[in-house]
């Protein structure tokens, strides 16, 4: 036989023949016991009801509730990984800018050499 055990604002179960059953333990059915673990197995959370009856079954004493998920805080490793990704992106952008500047400078030099060569060409004159 199974029992609901309530101690210090929390609950658990006691099994006859395994645990010492006290007079405050509340008998529950095999079906209630199995239903609790079936529901818990699919992610349902339970807590003691604020107002508890003098007698009743397992689900007269406990109720399901939505557990609040704590906000995810980043670990130091995750922070370093994020910083590393940002640095990689900044480096890639700097290299891209440098390559663009290099190409622009090469084009400007080519135009300058072309202008110089045009200036050095002999001017057509009448002889």
N, C-alpha and C. Protein backbone atom coordinates (compact mmCIF):
# COMPACT_ATOMS: atom_id res chain seq x y z
N UNK A 1 0.84 -1.18 0.00
CA UNK A 1 0.00 0.00 0.00
C UNK A 1 0.89 1.24 0.00
N UNK A 2 0.39 2.30 -0.63
CA UNK A 2 1.13 3.55 -0.76
C UNK A 2 0.52 4.62 0.14
N UNK A 3 1.41 5.54 0.58
CA UNK A 3 0.97 6.63 1.46
C UNK A 3 1.58 7.94 0.99
N UNK A 4 0.83 9.01 1.17
CA UNK A 4 1.33 10.35 0.95
C UNK A 4 1.90 10.83 2.27
N UNK A 5 3.13 11.30 2.23
CA UNK A 5 3.78 11.80 3.44
C UNK A 5 4.05 13.29 3.27
N UNK A 6 3.53 14.10 4.19
CA UNK A 6 3.73 15.55 4.16
C UNK A 6 4.60 15.93 5.35
N UNK A 7 5.74 16.56 5.04
CA UNK A 7 6.68 17.00 6.08
C UNK A 7 7.29 18.33 5.69
N UNK A 8 7.28 19.26 6.59
CA UNK A 8 7.94 20.56 6.39
C UNK A 8 7.54 21.26 5.09
N UNK A 9 6.27 21.21 4.75
CA UNK A 9 5.78 21.91 3.58
C UNK A 9 6.06 21.23 2.25
N UNK A 10 6.58 20.02 2.28
CA UNK A 10 6.79 19.27 1.04
C UNK A 10 6.18 17.89 1.19
N UNK A 11 6.11 17.17 0.09
CA UNK A 11 5.49 15.86 0.15
C UNK A 11 6.35 14.81 -0.52
N UNK A 12 6.07 13.59 -0.16
CA UNK A 12 6.73 12.44 -0.75
C UNK A 12 5.83 11.24 -0.57
N UNK A 13 6.38 10.07 -0.81
CA UNK A 13 5.58 8.86 -0.70
C UNK A 13 6.27 7.87 0.23
N UNK A 14 5.45 7.10 0.90
CA UNK A 14 5.94 6.02 1.74
C UNK A 14 5.28 4.74 1.26
N UNK A 15 6.04 3.66 1.26
CA UNK A 15 5.53 2.38 0.79
C UNK A 15 5.53 1.42 1.96
N UNK A 16 4.37 0.84 2.20
CA UNK A 16 4.22 -0.13 3.29
C UNK A 16 5.17 -1.29 3.04
N UNK A 17 5.91 -1.68 4.07
CA UNK A 17 6.87 -2.77 3.94
C UNK A 17 8.27 -2.28 3.60
N UNK A 18 8.36 -1.03 3.12
CA UNK A 18 9.67 -0.45 2.81
C UNK A 18 9.99 0.65 3.81
N UNK A 19 8.98 1.46 4.12
CA UNK A 19 9.13 2.56 5.06
C UNK A 19 8.32 2.28 6.32
N UNK A 20 8.67 2.96 7.39
CA UNK A 20 7.86 2.91 8.59
C UNK A 20 6.69 3.87 8.37
N UNK A 21 5.49 3.37 8.45
CA UNK A 21 4.29 4.17 8.22
C UNK A 21 3.90 4.84 9.53
N UNK A 22 3.71 6.16 9.45
CA UNK A 22 3.34 6.92 10.65
C UNK A 22 1.85 7.22 10.61
N UNK A 23 1.32 7.69 11.75
CA UNK A 23 -0.11 7.98 11.81
C UNK A 23 -0.48 9.21 10.98
N UNK A 24 0.53 10.04 10.61
CA UNK A 24 0.23 11.21 9.78
C UNK A 24 0.28 10.90 8.28
N UNK A 25 0.77 9.73 7.91
CA UNK A 25 0.80 9.34 6.49
C UNK A 25 -0.63 9.10 6.01
N UNK A 26 -0.90 9.51 4.79
CA UNK A 26 -2.25 9.45 4.24
C UNK A 26 -2.29 8.33 3.19
N UNK A 27 -3.18 7.35 3.38
CA UNK A 27 -3.24 6.25 2.41
C UNK A 27 -3.76 6.75 1.05
N UNK A 28 -3.12 6.27 -0.03
CA UNK A 28 -3.57 6.59 -1.38
C UNK A 28 -3.68 5.29 -2.17
N UNK A 29 -4.40 5.33 -3.26
CA UNK A 29 -4.61 4.11 -4.05
C UNK A 29 -3.43 3.87 -4.98
N UNK A 30 -3.32 2.63 -5.43
CA UNK A 30 -2.29 2.28 -6.41
C UNK A 30 -2.48 3.11 -7.69
N UNK A 31 -3.75 3.34 -8.05
CA UNK A 31 -4.06 4.10 -9.26
C UNK A 31 -3.58 5.55 -9.13
N UNK A 32 -3.82 6.17 -7.96
CA UNK A 32 -3.36 7.55 -7.74
C UNK A 32 -1.84 7.63 -7.81
N UNK A 33 -1.18 6.67 -7.19
CA UNK A 33 0.27 6.61 -7.17
C UNK A 33 0.81 6.50 -8.62
N UNK A 34 0.23 5.58 -9.40
CA UNK A 34 0.65 5.38 -10.78
C UNK A 34 0.33 6.63 -11.62
N UNK A 35 -0.84 7.25 -11.40
CA UNK A 35 -1.22 8.45 -12.16
C UNK A 35 -0.27 9.60 -11.87
N UNK A 36 0.14 9.76 -10.63
CA UNK A 36 1.10 10.81 -10.28
C UNK A 36 2.38 10.66 -11.10
N UNK A 37 2.94 9.46 -11.12
CA UNK A 37 4.20 9.25 -11.82
C UNK A 37 4.04 9.28 -13.33
N UNK A 38 2.87 8.88 -13.83
CA UNK A 38 2.61 8.99 -15.27
C UNK A 38 2.60 10.46 -15.67
N UNK A 39 1.90 11.28 -14.91
CA UNK A 39 1.80 12.71 -15.22
C UNK A 39 3.15 13.41 -15.02
N UNK A 40 3.85 13.04 -13.97
CA UNK A 40 5.17 13.63 -13.73
C UNK A 40 6.13 13.24 -14.86
N UNK A 41 5.97 12.05 -15.39
CA UNK A 41 6.82 11.56 -16.47
C UNK A 41 6.66 12.34 -17.76
N UNK A 42 5.52 13.00 -17.94
CA UNK A 42 5.32 13.81 -19.14
C UNK A 42 5.55 15.29 -18.85
N UNK A 43 6.20 15.58 -17.72
CA UNK A 43 6.63 16.94 -17.44
C UNK A 43 5.74 17.76 -16.53
N UNK A 44 4.71 17.17 -15.98
CA UNK A 44 3.83 17.94 -15.09
C UNK A 44 4.48 18.05 -13.71
N UNK A 45 4.38 19.23 -13.11
CA UNK A 45 4.94 19.48 -11.78
C UNK A 45 3.80 19.58 -10.77
N UNK A 46 4.06 19.14 -9.56
CA UNK A 46 3.03 19.16 -8.52
C UNK A 46 3.56 19.85 -7.27
N UNK A 47 2.62 20.43 -6.53
CA UNK A 47 2.92 21.02 -5.23
C UNK A 47 1.75 20.76 -4.31
N UNK A 48 2.01 20.94 -3.03
CA UNK A 48 0.92 20.81 -2.06
C UNK A 48 -0.06 21.96 -2.23
N UNK A 49 -1.32 21.65 -2.08
CA UNK A 49 -2.33 22.72 -2.11
C UNK A 49 -2.17 23.56 -0.85
N UNK A 50 -2.49 24.84 -0.96
CA UNK A 50 -2.39 25.71 0.21
C UNK A 50 -3.40 25.29 1.28
N UNK A 51 -4.60 25.01 0.82
CA UNK A 51 -5.63 24.54 1.76
C UNK A 51 -5.83 23.06 1.53
N UNK A 52 -5.53 22.30 2.56
CA UNK A 52 -5.61 20.84 2.44
C UNK A 52 -6.80 20.31 3.21
N UNK A 53 -7.43 19.29 2.67
CA UNK A 53 -8.60 18.71 3.35
C UNK A 53 -8.17 17.87 4.55
N UNK A 54 -9.12 17.50 5.34
CA UNK A 54 -8.85 16.61 6.48
C UNK A 54 -8.64 15.18 6.00
N UNK A 55 -9.27 14.85 4.88
CA UNK A 55 -9.11 13.52 4.31
C UNK A 55 -9.34 13.62 2.81
N UNK A 56 -9.03 12.55 2.11
CA UNK A 56 -9.23 12.52 0.67
C UNK A 56 -8.10 11.77 0.00
N UNK A 57 -8.14 11.79 -1.32
CA UNK A 57 -7.12 11.10 -2.10
C UNK A 57 -5.93 11.99 -2.39
N UNK A 58 -4.99 11.43 -3.10
CA UNK A 58 -3.74 12.12 -3.41
C UNK A 58 -3.97 13.48 -4.05
N UNK A 59 -4.86 13.54 -5.05
CA UNK A 59 -5.04 14.78 -5.79
C UNK A 59 -5.95 15.77 -5.06
N UNK A 60 -6.42 15.40 -3.87
CA UNK A 60 -7.09 16.38 -3.01
C UNK A 60 -6.04 17.18 -2.23
N UNK A 61 -4.83 16.64 -2.12
CA UNK A 61 -3.76 17.29 -1.36
C UNK A 61 -2.74 18.01 -2.24
N UNK A 62 -2.60 17.54 -3.46
CA UNK A 62 -1.61 18.15 -4.35
C UNK A 62 -2.29 18.68 -5.61
N UNK A 63 -1.59 19.62 -6.27
CA UNK A 63 -2.12 20.21 -7.49
C UNK A 63 -0.99 20.43 -8.49
N UNK A 64 -1.33 20.37 -9.78
CA UNK A 64 -0.30 20.67 -10.78
C UNK A 64 -0.07 22.17 -10.84
N UNK A 65 1.12 22.57 -11.27
CA UNK A 65 1.42 23.99 -11.45
C UNK A 65 2.48 24.14 -12.53
N UNK A 66 2.53 25.33 -13.10
CA UNK A 66 3.54 25.65 -14.10
C UNK A 66 4.79 26.16 -13.39
N UNK A 67 5.86 25.46 -13.56
CA UNK A 67 7.12 25.88 -12.94
C UNK A 67 7.71 27.01 -13.77
N UNK A 68 8.08 28.09 -13.12
CA UNK A 68 8.70 29.21 -13.81
C UNK A 68 10.12 28.84 -14.19
N UNK A 69 10.43 29.08 -15.45
CA UNK A 69 11.78 28.80 -15.93
C UNK A 69 12.68 29.98 -15.61
N UNK A 70 13.78 29.73 -14.97
CA UNK A 70 14.70 30.85 -14.67
C UNK A 70 15.27 31.40 -15.97
N UNK A 71 15.56 32.70 -15.95
CA UNK A 71 16.18 33.32 -17.11
C UNK A 71 17.54 32.69 -17.33
N UNK A 72 17.82 32.46 -18.60
CA UNK A 72 19.12 31.87 -18.93
C UNK A 72 20.21 32.93 -18.75
N UNK A 73 21.15 32.61 -17.92
CA UNK A 73 22.30 33.51 -17.76
C UNK A 73 23.48 32.85 -18.47
N UNK A 74 24.25 33.66 -19.12
CA UNK A 74 25.38 33.10 -19.86
C UNK A 74 26.51 32.77 -18.91
N UNK A 75 27.18 31.70 -19.24
CA UNK A 75 28.34 31.29 -18.46
C UNK A 75 29.56 32.08 -18.94
N UNK A 76 30.62 32.12 -18.16
CA UNK A 76 31.83 32.80 -18.62
C UNK A 76 32.34 32.24 -19.95
N UNK A 77 32.21 30.93 -20.14
CA UNK A 77 32.64 30.32 -21.39
C UNK A 77 31.79 30.83 -22.55
N UNK A 78 30.47 30.91 -22.35
CA UNK A 78 29.58 31.42 -23.40
C UNK A 78 29.89 32.88 -23.72
N UNK A 79 30.21 33.66 -22.69
CA UNK A 79 30.56 35.07 -22.91
C UNK A 79 31.83 35.18 -23.75
N UNK A 80 32.82 34.35 -23.44
CA UNK A 80 34.06 34.37 -24.23
C UNK A 80 33.80 33.92 -25.66
N UNK A 81 32.94 32.95 -25.82
CA UNK A 81 32.61 32.46 -27.16
C UNK A 81 31.92 33.56 -27.97
N UNK A 82 31.00 34.29 -27.34
CA UNK A 82 30.32 35.40 -28.03
C UNK A 82 31.33 36.49 -28.39
N UNK A 83 32.21 36.81 -27.46
CA UNK A 83 33.23 37.84 -27.72
C UNK A 83 34.13 37.40 -28.86
N UNK A 84 34.49 36.13 -28.88
CA UNK A 84 35.33 35.58 -29.94
C UNK A 84 34.64 35.72 -31.30
N UNK A 85 33.35 35.42 -31.35
CA UNK A 85 32.59 35.55 -32.60
C UNK A 85 32.56 37.01 -33.07
N UNK A 86 32.37 37.93 -32.12
CA UNK A 86 32.34 39.35 -32.46
C UNK A 86 33.70 39.81 -32.99
N UNK A 87 34.77 39.34 -32.37
CA UNK A 87 36.11 39.70 -32.82
C UNK A 87 36.39 39.14 -34.22
N UNK A 88 35.96 37.91 -34.47
CA UNK A 88 36.14 37.32 -35.80
C UNK A 88 35.39 38.13 -36.85
N UNK A 89 34.17 38.55 -36.53
CA UNK A 89 33.38 39.35 -37.46
C UNK A 89 34.05 40.70 -37.71
N UNK A 90 34.52 41.34 -36.65
CA UNK A 90 35.20 42.64 -36.78
C UNK A 90 36.46 42.49 -37.62
N UNK A 91 37.21 41.41 -37.41
CA UNK A 91 38.43 41.17 -38.18
C UNK A 91 38.11 40.96 -39.66
N UNK A 92 37.08 40.18 -39.93
CA UNK A 92 36.69 39.94 -41.33
C UNK A 92 36.27 41.24 -42.00
N UNK A 93 35.53 42.09 -41.29
CA UNK A 93 35.12 43.38 -41.84
C UNK A 93 36.33 44.27 -42.10
N UNK A 94 37.31 44.26 -41.18
CA UNK A 94 38.52 45.08 -41.34
C UNK A 94 39.32 44.61 -42.56
N UNK A 95 39.43 43.30 -42.73
CA UNK A 95 40.17 42.76 -43.88
C UNK A 95 39.46 43.14 -45.18
N UNK A 96 38.13 43.03 -45.18
CA UNK A 96 37.37 43.39 -46.38
C UNK A 96 37.57 44.88 -46.72
N UNK A 97 37.54 45.74 -45.71
CA UNK A 97 37.75 47.18 -45.91
C UNK A 97 39.16 47.42 -46.44
N UNK A 98 40.13 46.72 -45.86
CA UNK A 98 41.53 46.89 -46.28
C UNK A 98 41.69 46.47 -47.75
N UNK A 99 41.07 45.39 -48.14
CA UNK A 99 41.16 44.93 -49.53
C UNK A 99 40.50 45.94 -50.48
N UNK A 100 39.35 46.49 -50.06
CA UNK A 100 38.67 47.50 -50.87
C UNK A 100 39.56 48.73 -51.03
N UNK A 101 40.15 49.18 -49.92
CA UNK A 101 41.05 50.34 -49.98
C UNK A 101 42.25 50.05 -50.87
N UNK A 102 42.79 48.85 -50.81
CA UNK A 102 43.95 48.46 -51.61
C UNK A 102 43.61 48.53 -53.10
N UNK A 103 42.44 48.02 -53.46
CA UNK A 103 42.02 48.05 -54.87
C UNK A 103 41.83 49.49 -55.34
N UNK A 104 41.19 50.31 -54.50
CA UNK A 104 40.99 51.72 -54.86
C UNK A 104 42.33 52.43 -55.04
N UNK A 105 43.28 52.12 -54.17
CA UNK A 105 44.61 52.74 -54.27
C UNK A 105 45.31 52.29 -55.55
N UNK A 106 45.21 51.03 -55.91
CA UNK A 106 45.83 50.53 -57.13
C UNK A 106 45.21 51.20 -58.36
N UNK A 107 43.88 51.38 -58.35
CA UNK A 107 43.22 52.07 -59.47
C UNK A 107 43.69 53.53 -59.57
N UNK A 108 43.81 54.19 -58.42
CA UNK A 108 44.27 55.58 -58.42
C UNK A 108 45.70 55.67 -58.95
N UNK A 109 46.56 54.74 -58.57
CA UNK A 109 47.94 54.72 -59.06
C UNK A 109 47.97 54.49 -60.56
N UNK A 110 47.15 53.59 -61.03
CA UNK A 110 47.11 53.31 -62.48
C UNK A 110 46.68 54.54 -63.25
N UNK A 111 45.67 55.25 -62.73
CA UNK A 111 45.22 56.48 -63.39
C UNK A 111 46.33 57.54 -63.39
N UNK A 112 47.06 57.63 -62.26
CA UNK A 112 48.14 58.61 -62.15
C UNK A 112 49.25 58.28 -63.15
N UNK A 113 49.65 57.00 -63.27
CA UNK A 113 50.68 56.61 -64.22
C UNK A 113 50.22 56.88 -65.64
N UNK A 114 48.95 56.63 -65.91
CA UNK A 114 48.42 56.88 -67.24
C UNK A 114 48.49 58.37 -67.56
N UNK A 115 48.15 59.20 -66.60
CA UNK A 115 48.22 60.65 -66.79
C UNK A 115 49.66 61.09 -67.02
N UNK A 116 50.61 60.56 -66.25
CA UNK A 116 52.03 60.91 -66.41
C UNK A 116 52.52 60.50 -67.79
N UNK A 117 52.15 59.29 -68.20
CA UNK A 117 52.59 58.82 -69.52
C UNK A 117 52.02 59.70 -70.63
N UNK A 118 50.78 60.12 -70.47
CA UNK A 118 50.18 61.00 -71.48
C UNK A 118 50.92 62.35 -71.51
N UNK A 119 51.36 62.83 -70.36
CA UNK A 119 52.07 64.09 -70.30
C UNK A 119 53.47 63.99 -70.93
N UNK A 120 54.07 62.79 -70.84
CA UNK A 120 55.42 62.60 -71.36
C UNK A 120 55.42 62.30 -72.87
N UNK A 121 54.31 61.97 -73.41
CA UNK A 121 54.28 61.70 -74.84
C UNK A 121 54.58 62.98 -75.60
N UNK A 122 55.34 62.80 -76.62
CA UNK A 122 55.67 64.01 -77.41
C UNK A 122 54.41 64.61 -78.00
N UNK A 123 54.39 65.90 -77.92
CA UNK A 123 53.25 66.62 -78.48
C UNK A 123 53.43 66.71 -79.99
N UNK A 124 52.38 66.50 -80.64
CA UNK A 124 52.45 66.60 -82.10
C UNK A 124 52.70 68.05 -82.51
N UNK A 125 53.67 68.26 -83.35
CA UNK A 125 53.99 69.61 -83.76
C UNK A 125 54.26 69.69 -85.26
N UNK A 126 54.35 70.83 -85.75
CA UNK A 126 54.57 70.96 -87.17
C UNK A 126 56.04 71.16 -87.50
N UNK A 127 56.64 70.25 -88.14
CA UNK A 127 57.98 70.45 -88.65
C UNK A 127 57.97 70.36 -90.11
